[in-house]
N, C-alpha and C. Protein backbone atom coordinates (compact mmCIF):
# COMPACT_ATOMS: atom_id res chain seq x y z
N MET A 1 -8.99 -9.03 -31.81
CA MET A 1 -9.48 -9.09 -30.45
C MET A 1 -8.66 -8.14 -29.59
N LEU A 2 -9.32 -7.36 -28.76
CA LEU A 2 -8.64 -6.41 -27.88
C LEU A 2 -8.07 -7.12 -26.66
N ALA A 3 -6.87 -6.72 -26.28
CA ALA A 3 -6.26 -7.27 -25.08
C ALA A 3 -6.93 -6.63 -23.86
N ALA A 4 -7.04 -7.41 -22.81
CA ALA A 4 -7.63 -6.89 -21.57
C ALA A 4 -6.67 -5.90 -20.92
N MET A 5 -7.25 -4.92 -20.21
CA MET A 5 -6.43 -3.97 -19.47
C MET A 5 -5.68 -4.71 -18.37
N PRO A 6 -4.42 -4.34 -18.14
CA PRO A 6 -3.72 -4.95 -17.00
C PRO A 6 -4.47 -4.65 -15.70
N THR A 7 -4.57 -5.66 -14.86
CA THR A 7 -5.25 -5.53 -13.58
C THR A 7 -4.23 -5.57 -12.46
N ILE A 8 -4.24 -4.52 -11.65
CA ILE A 8 -3.29 -4.38 -10.56
C ILE A 8 -4.06 -4.29 -9.25
N ILE A 9 -3.55 -4.99 -8.24
CA ILE A 9 -4.04 -4.80 -6.88
C ILE A 9 -2.99 -3.93 -6.20
N LEU A 10 -3.43 -2.81 -5.66
CA LEU A 10 -2.54 -1.86 -5.01
C LEU A 10 -2.81 -1.87 -3.51
N LEU A 11 -1.78 -2.16 -2.74
CA LEU A 11 -1.87 -2.14 -1.29
C LEU A 11 -1.01 -0.99 -0.80
N THR A 12 -1.63 -0.04 -0.11
CA THR A 12 -0.89 1.12 0.38
C THR A 12 -1.31 1.46 1.79
N GLU A 13 -0.36 1.95 2.58
CA GLU A 13 -0.68 2.32 3.96
C GLU A 13 -1.06 3.78 4.10
N ASP A 14 -0.76 4.59 3.09
CA ASP A 14 -1.06 6.02 3.11
C ASP A 14 -1.62 6.43 1.75
N ALA A 15 -2.17 7.62 1.69
CA ALA A 15 -2.59 8.17 0.39
C ALA A 15 -1.36 8.28 -0.50
N LEU A 16 -1.53 7.97 -1.77
CA LEU A 16 -0.40 8.06 -2.70
C LEU A 16 0.01 9.51 -2.92
N ARG A 17 1.29 9.71 -3.07
CA ARG A 17 1.84 11.01 -3.44
C ARG A 17 1.84 11.08 -4.96
N PRO A 18 1.96 12.28 -5.53
CA PRO A 18 1.98 12.40 -7.00
C PRO A 18 3.03 11.52 -7.67
N SER A 19 4.21 11.40 -7.07
CA SER A 19 5.24 10.55 -7.67
C SER A 19 4.84 9.08 -7.64
N ASP A 20 4.11 8.66 -6.60
CA ASP A 20 3.62 7.28 -6.52
C ASP A 20 2.60 7.01 -7.61
N VAL A 21 1.70 7.97 -7.82
CA VAL A 21 0.68 7.83 -8.87
C VAL A 21 1.36 7.70 -10.23
N GLU A 22 2.36 8.52 -10.48
CA GLU A 22 3.09 8.46 -11.75
C GLU A 22 3.79 7.12 -11.92
N ASN A 23 4.44 6.63 -10.86
CA ASN A 23 5.12 5.33 -10.93
C ASN A 23 4.14 4.22 -11.30
N ILE A 24 2.97 4.24 -10.72
CA ILE A 24 1.99 3.18 -10.97
C ILE A 24 1.33 3.36 -12.33
N ALA A 25 0.96 4.58 -12.66
CA ALA A 25 0.26 4.84 -13.92
C ALA A 25 1.13 4.51 -15.14
N THR A 26 2.44 4.55 -14.98
CA THR A 26 3.34 4.29 -16.12
C THR A 26 3.95 2.90 -16.11
N LEU A 27 3.50 2.04 -15.22
CA LEU A 27 4.05 0.68 -15.16
C LEU A 27 3.90 -0.07 -16.49
N HIS A 28 2.81 0.17 -17.18
CA HIS A 28 2.53 -0.52 -18.44
C HIS A 28 2.48 0.46 -19.60
N GLY A 29 3.34 1.46 -19.54
CA GLY A 29 3.38 2.45 -20.61
C GLY A 29 2.09 3.25 -20.63
N ASP A 30 1.52 3.36 -21.81
CA ASP A 30 0.29 4.14 -21.98
C ASP A 30 -0.98 3.30 -21.87
N GLU A 31 -0.83 2.01 -21.56
CA GLU A 31 -2.00 1.14 -21.46
C GLU A 31 -2.90 1.59 -20.31
N PRO A 32 -4.21 1.59 -20.53
CA PRO A 32 -5.12 1.89 -19.42
C PRO A 32 -5.07 0.75 -18.39
N LEU A 33 -5.21 1.10 -17.13
CA LEU A 33 -5.11 0.12 -16.06
C LEU A 33 -6.42 -0.02 -15.30
N THR A 34 -6.65 -1.21 -14.79
CA THR A 34 -7.72 -1.46 -13.84
C THR A 34 -7.03 -1.72 -12.51
N ILE A 35 -7.37 -0.93 -11.50
CA ILE A 35 -6.68 -1.01 -10.21
C ILE A 35 -7.69 -1.17 -9.09
N THR A 36 -7.42 -2.12 -8.20
CA THR A 36 -8.17 -2.27 -6.97
C THR A 36 -7.26 -1.84 -5.84
N VAL A 37 -7.68 -0.82 -5.09
CA VAL A 37 -6.86 -0.26 -4.01
C VAL A 37 -7.33 -0.84 -2.68
N LEU A 38 -6.37 -1.29 -1.88
CA LEU A 38 -6.64 -1.77 -0.53
C LEU A 38 -5.83 -0.92 0.44
N VAL A 39 -6.51 -0.37 1.45
CA VAL A 39 -5.85 0.42 2.48
C VAL A 39 -6.21 -0.20 3.83
N PRO A 40 -5.24 -0.76 4.53
CA PRO A 40 -5.53 -1.34 5.84
C PRO A 40 -5.79 -0.27 6.89
N ALA A 41 -6.76 -0.54 7.74
CA ALA A 41 -6.99 0.31 8.91
C ALA A 41 -6.03 -0.20 9.97
N ASP A 42 -4.93 0.50 10.15
CA ASP A 42 -3.86 0.05 11.03
C ASP A 42 -4.26 0.24 12.49
N THR A 43 -5.03 -0.71 12.98
CA THR A 43 -5.59 -0.59 14.33
C THR A 43 -4.73 -1.26 15.40
N GLU A 44 -3.73 -2.02 14.98
CA GLU A 44 -2.92 -2.78 15.94
C GLU A 44 -1.44 -2.50 15.76
N ARG A 45 -1.07 -1.25 15.69
CA ARG A 45 0.34 -0.89 15.49
C ARG A 45 1.20 -1.36 16.65
N ASN A 46 2.39 -1.82 16.30
CA ASN A 46 3.37 -2.21 17.29
C ASN A 46 4.20 -0.99 17.65
N VAL A 47 4.10 -0.53 18.88
CA VAL A 47 4.75 0.70 19.32
C VAL A 47 6.26 0.61 19.15
N VAL A 48 6.87 -0.49 19.53
CA VAL A 48 8.33 -0.63 19.45
C VAL A 48 8.78 -0.61 18.00
N THR A 49 8.08 -1.32 17.14
CA THR A 49 8.44 -1.34 15.73
C THR A 49 8.30 0.04 15.10
N ASP A 50 7.21 0.73 15.39
CA ASP A 50 7.03 2.09 14.87
C ASP A 50 8.15 3.01 15.36
N PHE A 51 8.51 2.89 16.64
CA PHE A 51 9.57 3.71 17.21
C PHE A 51 10.89 3.47 16.47
N ILE A 52 11.25 2.21 16.25
CA ILE A 52 12.49 1.87 15.54
C ILE A 52 12.44 2.35 14.09
N ASP A 53 11.31 2.17 13.44
CA ASP A 53 11.16 2.63 12.05
C ASP A 53 11.44 4.12 11.94
N HIS A 54 10.84 4.90 12.83
CA HIS A 54 11.04 6.35 12.80
C HIS A 54 12.48 6.72 13.13
N LEU A 55 13.06 6.07 14.12
CA LEU A 55 14.46 6.36 14.46
C LEU A 55 15.39 6.04 13.29
N SER A 56 15.12 4.96 12.59
CA SER A 56 15.99 4.57 11.47
C SER A 56 15.96 5.60 10.35
N LEU A 57 14.88 6.38 10.27
CA LEU A 57 14.76 7.43 9.27
C LEU A 57 15.08 8.81 9.85
N LEU A 58 15.60 8.81 11.09
CA LEU A 58 15.95 10.05 11.80
C LEU A 58 14.73 10.96 11.99
N GLU A 59 13.57 10.36 12.15
CA GLU A 59 12.33 11.09 12.40
C GLU A 59 12.08 11.09 13.90
N LEU A 60 12.79 11.98 14.62
CA LEU A 60 12.75 11.97 16.08
C LEU A 60 11.39 12.36 16.63
N LYS A 61 10.76 13.37 16.04
CA LYS A 61 9.43 13.79 16.51
C LYS A 61 8.43 12.65 16.34
N GLU A 62 8.45 12.01 15.16
CA GLU A 62 7.53 10.90 14.89
C GLU A 62 7.81 9.71 15.80
N ALA A 63 9.09 9.46 16.12
CA ALA A 63 9.44 8.38 17.05
C ALA A 63 8.83 8.63 18.42
N TRP A 64 8.93 9.88 18.89
CA TRP A 64 8.35 10.23 20.18
C TRP A 64 6.82 10.06 20.14
N GLU A 65 6.20 10.51 19.05
CA GLU A 65 4.74 10.39 18.93
C GLU A 65 4.30 8.93 18.88
N ALA A 66 5.13 8.06 18.29
CA ALA A 66 4.79 6.63 18.24
C ALA A 66 4.65 6.05 19.63
N ILE A 67 5.42 6.59 20.56
CA ILE A 67 5.38 6.09 21.94
C ILE A 67 4.27 6.76 22.74
N THR A 68 4.09 8.05 22.53
CA THR A 68 3.21 8.82 23.41
C THR A 68 1.77 8.98 22.92
N GLU A 69 1.53 8.83 21.64
CA GLU A 69 0.19 9.05 21.10
C GLU A 69 -0.33 7.77 20.44
N ARG A 70 -1.47 7.32 20.87
CA ARG A 70 -2.07 6.11 20.29
C ARG A 70 -3.40 6.47 19.63
N GLU A 71 -3.62 5.95 18.45
CA GLU A 71 -4.87 6.17 17.72
C GLU A 71 -5.92 5.19 18.20
N THR A 72 -7.17 5.64 18.22
CA THR A 72 -8.26 4.71 18.49
C THR A 72 -8.56 3.95 17.21
N GLU A 73 -9.31 2.87 17.33
CA GLU A 73 -9.69 2.10 16.15
C GLU A 73 -10.51 2.95 15.19
N ALA A 74 -11.42 3.75 15.73
CA ALA A 74 -12.25 4.62 14.88
C ALA A 74 -11.39 5.62 14.12
N GLU A 75 -10.39 6.19 14.79
CA GLU A 75 -9.48 7.13 14.13
C GLU A 75 -8.68 6.45 13.03
N ALA A 76 -8.22 5.23 13.30
CA ALA A 76 -7.45 4.48 12.30
C ALA A 76 -8.30 4.18 11.07
N ARG A 77 -9.54 3.80 11.29
CA ARG A 77 -10.44 3.50 10.15
C ARG A 77 -10.76 4.77 9.37
N GLN A 78 -10.97 5.87 10.07
CA GLN A 78 -11.24 7.14 9.38
C GLN A 78 -10.03 7.57 8.56
N GLU A 79 -8.85 7.46 9.13
CA GLU A 79 -7.63 7.82 8.41
C GLU A 79 -7.44 6.95 7.17
N ALA A 80 -7.71 5.65 7.29
CA ALA A 80 -7.60 4.74 6.15
C ALA A 80 -8.63 5.10 5.07
N GLY A 81 -9.84 5.45 5.49
CA GLY A 81 -10.87 5.85 4.53
C GLY A 81 -10.48 7.10 3.75
N GLU A 82 -9.89 8.06 4.45
CA GLU A 82 -9.43 9.28 3.78
C GLU A 82 -8.29 8.99 2.81
N ALA A 83 -7.36 8.12 3.22
CA ALA A 83 -6.25 7.74 2.33
C ALA A 83 -6.79 7.03 1.09
N LEU A 84 -7.77 6.17 1.29
CA LEU A 84 -8.38 5.45 0.16
C LEU A 84 -9.02 6.43 -0.81
N GLU A 85 -9.80 7.36 -0.28
CA GLU A 85 -10.50 8.33 -1.13
C GLU A 85 -9.51 9.16 -1.96
N ARG A 86 -8.45 9.65 -1.33
CA ARG A 86 -7.46 10.46 -2.05
C ARG A 86 -6.72 9.63 -3.10
N THR A 87 -6.41 8.39 -2.76
CA THR A 87 -5.68 7.51 -3.69
C THR A 87 -6.55 7.18 -4.90
N VAL A 88 -7.80 6.81 -4.67
CA VAL A 88 -8.70 6.48 -5.78
C VAL A 88 -8.86 7.69 -6.70
N SER A 89 -9.07 8.85 -6.13
CA SER A 89 -9.24 10.07 -6.94
C SER A 89 -8.00 10.36 -7.78
N ALA A 90 -6.82 10.23 -7.18
CA ALA A 90 -5.58 10.51 -7.90
C ALA A 90 -5.34 9.53 -9.04
N LEU A 91 -5.63 8.26 -8.81
CA LEU A 91 -5.44 7.26 -9.87
C LEU A 91 -6.47 7.42 -10.99
N GLN A 92 -7.70 7.77 -10.63
CA GLN A 92 -8.71 8.04 -11.65
C GLN A 92 -8.31 9.24 -12.50
N ALA A 93 -7.77 10.26 -11.86
CA ALA A 93 -7.31 11.45 -12.60
C ALA A 93 -6.18 11.10 -13.55
N ALA A 94 -5.43 10.05 -13.23
CA ALA A 94 -4.34 9.59 -14.10
C ALA A 94 -4.83 8.66 -15.20
N GLY A 95 -6.15 8.39 -15.24
CA GLY A 95 -6.72 7.61 -16.32
C GLY A 95 -7.03 6.16 -16.02
N ALA A 96 -6.82 5.72 -14.80
CA ALA A 96 -7.08 4.32 -14.45
C ALA A 96 -8.54 4.12 -14.07
N THR A 97 -9.01 2.91 -14.23
CA THR A 97 -10.31 2.48 -13.72
C THR A 97 -10.04 1.93 -12.34
N VAL A 98 -10.64 2.56 -11.31
CA VAL A 98 -10.23 2.25 -9.94
C VAL A 98 -11.42 1.96 -9.04
N THR A 99 -11.25 0.94 -8.20
CA THR A 99 -12.16 0.65 -7.10
C THR A 99 -11.28 0.46 -5.86
N GLY A 100 -11.89 0.42 -4.70
CA GLY A 100 -11.07 0.22 -3.52
C GLY A 100 -11.87 0.01 -2.27
N SER A 101 -11.15 -0.38 -1.22
CA SER A 101 -11.80 -0.58 0.07
C SER A 101 -10.77 -0.50 1.19
N VAL A 102 -11.30 -0.21 2.38
CA VAL A 102 -10.51 -0.27 3.60
C VAL A 102 -10.61 -1.71 4.08
N VAL A 103 -9.46 -2.28 4.46
CA VAL A 103 -9.42 -3.68 4.89
C VAL A 103 -8.88 -3.76 6.31
N ASP A 104 -8.90 -4.97 6.86
CA ASP A 104 -8.43 -5.18 8.23
C ASP A 104 -6.95 -4.89 8.36
N ASP A 105 -6.51 -4.82 9.61
CA ASP A 105 -5.14 -4.50 9.96
C ASP A 105 -4.13 -5.39 9.22
N ASP A 106 -4.36 -6.69 9.19
CA ASP A 106 -3.51 -7.59 8.40
C ASP A 106 -4.14 -7.70 7.02
N PRO A 107 -3.54 -7.07 6.01
CA PRO A 107 -4.18 -7.01 4.71
C PRO A 107 -4.00 -8.26 3.84
N LEU A 108 -3.20 -9.23 4.26
CA LEU A 108 -2.92 -10.37 3.40
C LEU A 108 -4.15 -11.19 3.02
N PRO A 109 -5.08 -11.47 3.94
CA PRO A 109 -6.28 -12.19 3.51
C PRO A 109 -7.08 -11.43 2.45
N ALA A 110 -7.27 -10.12 2.65
CA ALA A 110 -8.01 -9.32 1.67
C ALA A 110 -7.24 -9.22 0.36
N LEU A 111 -5.92 -9.11 0.43
CA LEU A 111 -5.08 -9.06 -0.76
C LEU A 111 -5.20 -10.36 -1.56
N THR A 112 -5.13 -11.47 -0.87
CA THR A 112 -5.27 -12.78 -1.53
C THR A 112 -6.62 -12.90 -2.22
N GLN A 113 -7.67 -12.51 -1.52
CA GLN A 113 -9.02 -12.58 -2.09
C GLN A 113 -9.15 -11.66 -3.30
N ALA A 114 -8.58 -10.47 -3.23
CA ALA A 114 -8.66 -9.53 -4.35
C ALA A 114 -7.93 -10.07 -5.58
N VAL A 115 -6.79 -10.70 -5.38
CA VAL A 115 -6.04 -11.28 -6.50
C VAL A 115 -6.87 -12.37 -7.18
N VAL A 116 -7.51 -13.21 -6.38
CA VAL A 116 -8.34 -14.29 -6.92
C VAL A 116 -9.57 -13.72 -7.63
N ASN A 117 -10.26 -12.78 -6.98
CA ASN A 117 -11.51 -12.24 -7.52
C ASN A 117 -11.31 -11.47 -8.82
N THR A 118 -10.18 -10.80 -8.97
CA THR A 118 -9.97 -9.95 -10.14
C THR A 118 -9.08 -10.61 -11.19
N ASP A 119 -8.54 -11.79 -10.88
CA ASP A 119 -7.57 -12.44 -11.77
C ASP A 119 -6.44 -11.44 -12.07
N ALA A 120 -5.90 -10.86 -11.00
CA ALA A 120 -4.91 -9.79 -11.10
C ALA A 120 -3.64 -10.25 -11.81
N ASP A 121 -3.06 -9.31 -12.56
CA ASP A 121 -1.79 -9.56 -13.23
C ASP A 121 -0.60 -9.33 -12.31
N GLU A 122 -0.76 -8.41 -11.36
CA GLU A 122 0.33 -8.11 -10.44
C GLU A 122 -0.20 -7.37 -9.22
N VAL A 123 0.66 -7.31 -8.21
CA VAL A 123 0.37 -6.58 -6.98
C VAL A 123 1.44 -5.50 -6.84
N VAL A 124 1.01 -4.31 -6.45
CA VAL A 124 1.93 -3.22 -6.16
C VAL A 124 1.70 -2.83 -4.70
N VAL A 125 2.78 -2.80 -3.93
CA VAL A 125 2.73 -2.41 -2.53
C VAL A 125 3.48 -1.10 -2.39
N VAL A 126 2.84 -0.11 -1.76
CA VAL A 126 3.48 1.19 -1.55
C VAL A 126 3.48 1.47 -0.06
N THR A 127 4.68 1.56 0.53
CA THR A 127 4.80 1.81 1.97
C THR A 127 5.95 2.76 2.25
N ARG A 128 5.98 3.24 3.46
CA ARG A 128 7.18 3.92 3.96
C ARG A 128 8.20 2.83 4.25
N PRO A 129 9.48 3.16 4.34
CA PRO A 129 10.46 2.15 4.76
C PRO A 129 10.15 1.70 6.19
N HIS A 130 10.24 0.42 6.42
CA HIS A 130 10.02 -0.15 7.75
C HIS A 130 11.24 -0.99 8.09
N ALA A 131 12.12 -0.44 8.91
CA ALA A 131 13.41 -1.06 9.19
C ALA A 131 13.28 -2.50 9.67
N VAL A 132 12.43 -2.73 10.65
CA VAL A 132 12.32 -4.07 11.23
C VAL A 132 11.69 -5.05 10.24
N GLU A 133 10.51 -4.71 9.71
CA GLU A 133 9.81 -5.63 8.81
C GLU A 133 10.61 -5.89 7.54
N ASP A 134 11.17 -4.83 6.94
CA ASP A 134 11.93 -5.00 5.69
C ASP A 134 13.16 -5.87 5.92
N THR A 135 13.87 -5.65 7.01
CA THR A 135 15.08 -6.41 7.30
C THR A 135 14.80 -7.90 7.46
N PHE A 136 13.71 -8.20 8.15
CA PHE A 136 13.39 -9.61 8.42
C PHE A 136 12.38 -10.19 7.43
N HIS A 137 12.14 -9.47 6.35
CA HIS A 137 11.22 -9.91 5.28
C HIS A 137 9.83 -10.26 5.80
N GLN A 138 9.36 -9.45 6.74
CA GLN A 138 8.01 -9.62 7.27
C GLN A 138 7.09 -8.50 6.78
N ASP A 139 7.60 -7.68 5.85
CA ASP A 139 6.78 -6.60 5.28
C ASP A 139 5.72 -7.21 4.38
N TRP A 140 4.73 -6.39 4.03
CA TRP A 140 3.60 -6.88 3.23
C TRP A 140 4.06 -7.45 1.89
N ALA A 141 4.99 -6.80 1.23
CA ALA A 141 5.43 -7.27 -0.09
C ALA A 141 6.12 -8.63 0.01
N SER A 142 6.99 -8.80 0.98
CA SER A 142 7.67 -10.09 1.14
C SER A 142 6.68 -11.20 1.45
N ARG A 143 5.73 -10.91 2.34
CA ARG A 143 4.72 -11.90 2.68
C ARG A 143 3.85 -12.23 1.47
N ALA A 144 3.50 -11.22 0.67
CA ALA A 144 2.68 -11.45 -0.53
C ALA A 144 3.43 -12.28 -1.55
N ARG A 145 4.72 -12.02 -1.72
CA ARG A 145 5.53 -12.79 -2.68
C ARG A 145 5.53 -14.28 -2.32
N GLU A 146 5.57 -14.57 -1.02
CA GLU A 146 5.57 -15.96 -0.57
C GLU A 146 4.23 -16.65 -0.82
N LYS A 147 3.15 -15.86 -0.76
CA LYS A 147 1.81 -16.46 -0.77
C LYS A 147 1.12 -16.44 -2.14
N LEU A 148 1.35 -15.39 -2.93
CA LEU A 148 0.58 -15.19 -4.15
C LEU A 148 1.35 -15.69 -5.37
N GLY A 149 0.63 -16.03 -6.39
CA GLY A 149 1.25 -16.50 -7.62
C GLY A 149 1.37 -15.44 -8.70
N VAL A 150 1.49 -14.19 -8.28
CA VAL A 150 1.63 -13.09 -9.24
C VAL A 150 2.84 -12.24 -8.83
N PRO A 151 3.39 -11.48 -9.78
CA PRO A 151 4.50 -10.59 -9.43
C PRO A 151 4.07 -9.56 -8.40
N VAL A 152 4.99 -9.24 -7.47
CA VAL A 152 4.73 -8.25 -6.43
C VAL A 152 5.85 -7.22 -6.49
N LEU A 153 5.46 -5.96 -6.71
CA LEU A 153 6.40 -4.85 -6.79
C LEU A 153 6.21 -4.00 -5.54
N HIS A 154 7.31 -3.60 -4.90
CA HIS A 154 7.24 -2.82 -3.67
C HIS A 154 7.96 -1.50 -3.87
N PHE A 155 7.18 -0.40 -3.86
CA PHE A 155 7.73 0.96 -3.94
C PHE A 155 7.75 1.55 -2.54
N TYR A 156 8.78 2.35 -2.27
CA TYR A 156 8.76 3.18 -1.07
C TYR A 156 8.13 4.49 -1.45
N THR A 157 7.13 4.92 -0.68
CA THR A 157 6.35 6.09 -1.02
C THR A 157 7.20 7.35 -1.23
N GLY A 158 6.82 8.10 -2.23
CA GLY A 158 7.50 9.35 -2.52
C GLY A 158 8.83 9.20 -3.24
N THR A 159 9.18 7.97 -3.60
CA THR A 159 10.44 7.72 -4.30
C THR A 159 10.19 6.75 -5.45
N ASN A 160 11.22 6.49 -6.23
CA ASN A 160 11.12 5.41 -7.21
C ASN A 160 12.00 4.22 -6.78
N LEU A 161 12.31 4.19 -5.48
CA LEU A 161 13.10 3.09 -4.91
C LEU A 161 12.21 1.88 -4.70
N LEU A 162 12.76 0.73 -5.01
CA LEU A 162 12.03 -0.52 -4.85
C LEU A 162 12.46 -1.22 -3.58
N GLY A 163 11.49 -1.86 -2.91
CA GLY A 163 11.79 -2.60 -1.68
C GLY A 163 11.95 -4.07 -1.95
């Protein structure tokens, strides 16, 4: 009897970088993966939190933009759709069977439903470092670990560092 492909739910705030795709594609060695990608349309960003996050990474230009430039909901949804499309394409090119969707600003309800619907083996969260959320364990990965009954792995985008 053939073993089922590992099923991963991937939650990411941006399109995956090549190093992110490699990290995920090699999680189970050479085994083919089934991945469901969720990209939240970040329509309710907290300006102060974004400002602190950028300052903590010495991203002064981005910190200023967090205060002075606000995205509309339509722009946020379009950006999430583009990130989803690029991520799905990159994972498919790496050999995974991939589906995905744009979800609401708080992705935990959609993440919970996806884990139940797919009988997922694990969740992978890929984000930029978020000083405030990570410090107080309010980031998506920490919240998912508290709520879900599956392993949750948190990568910081563009690195092999775990959160």
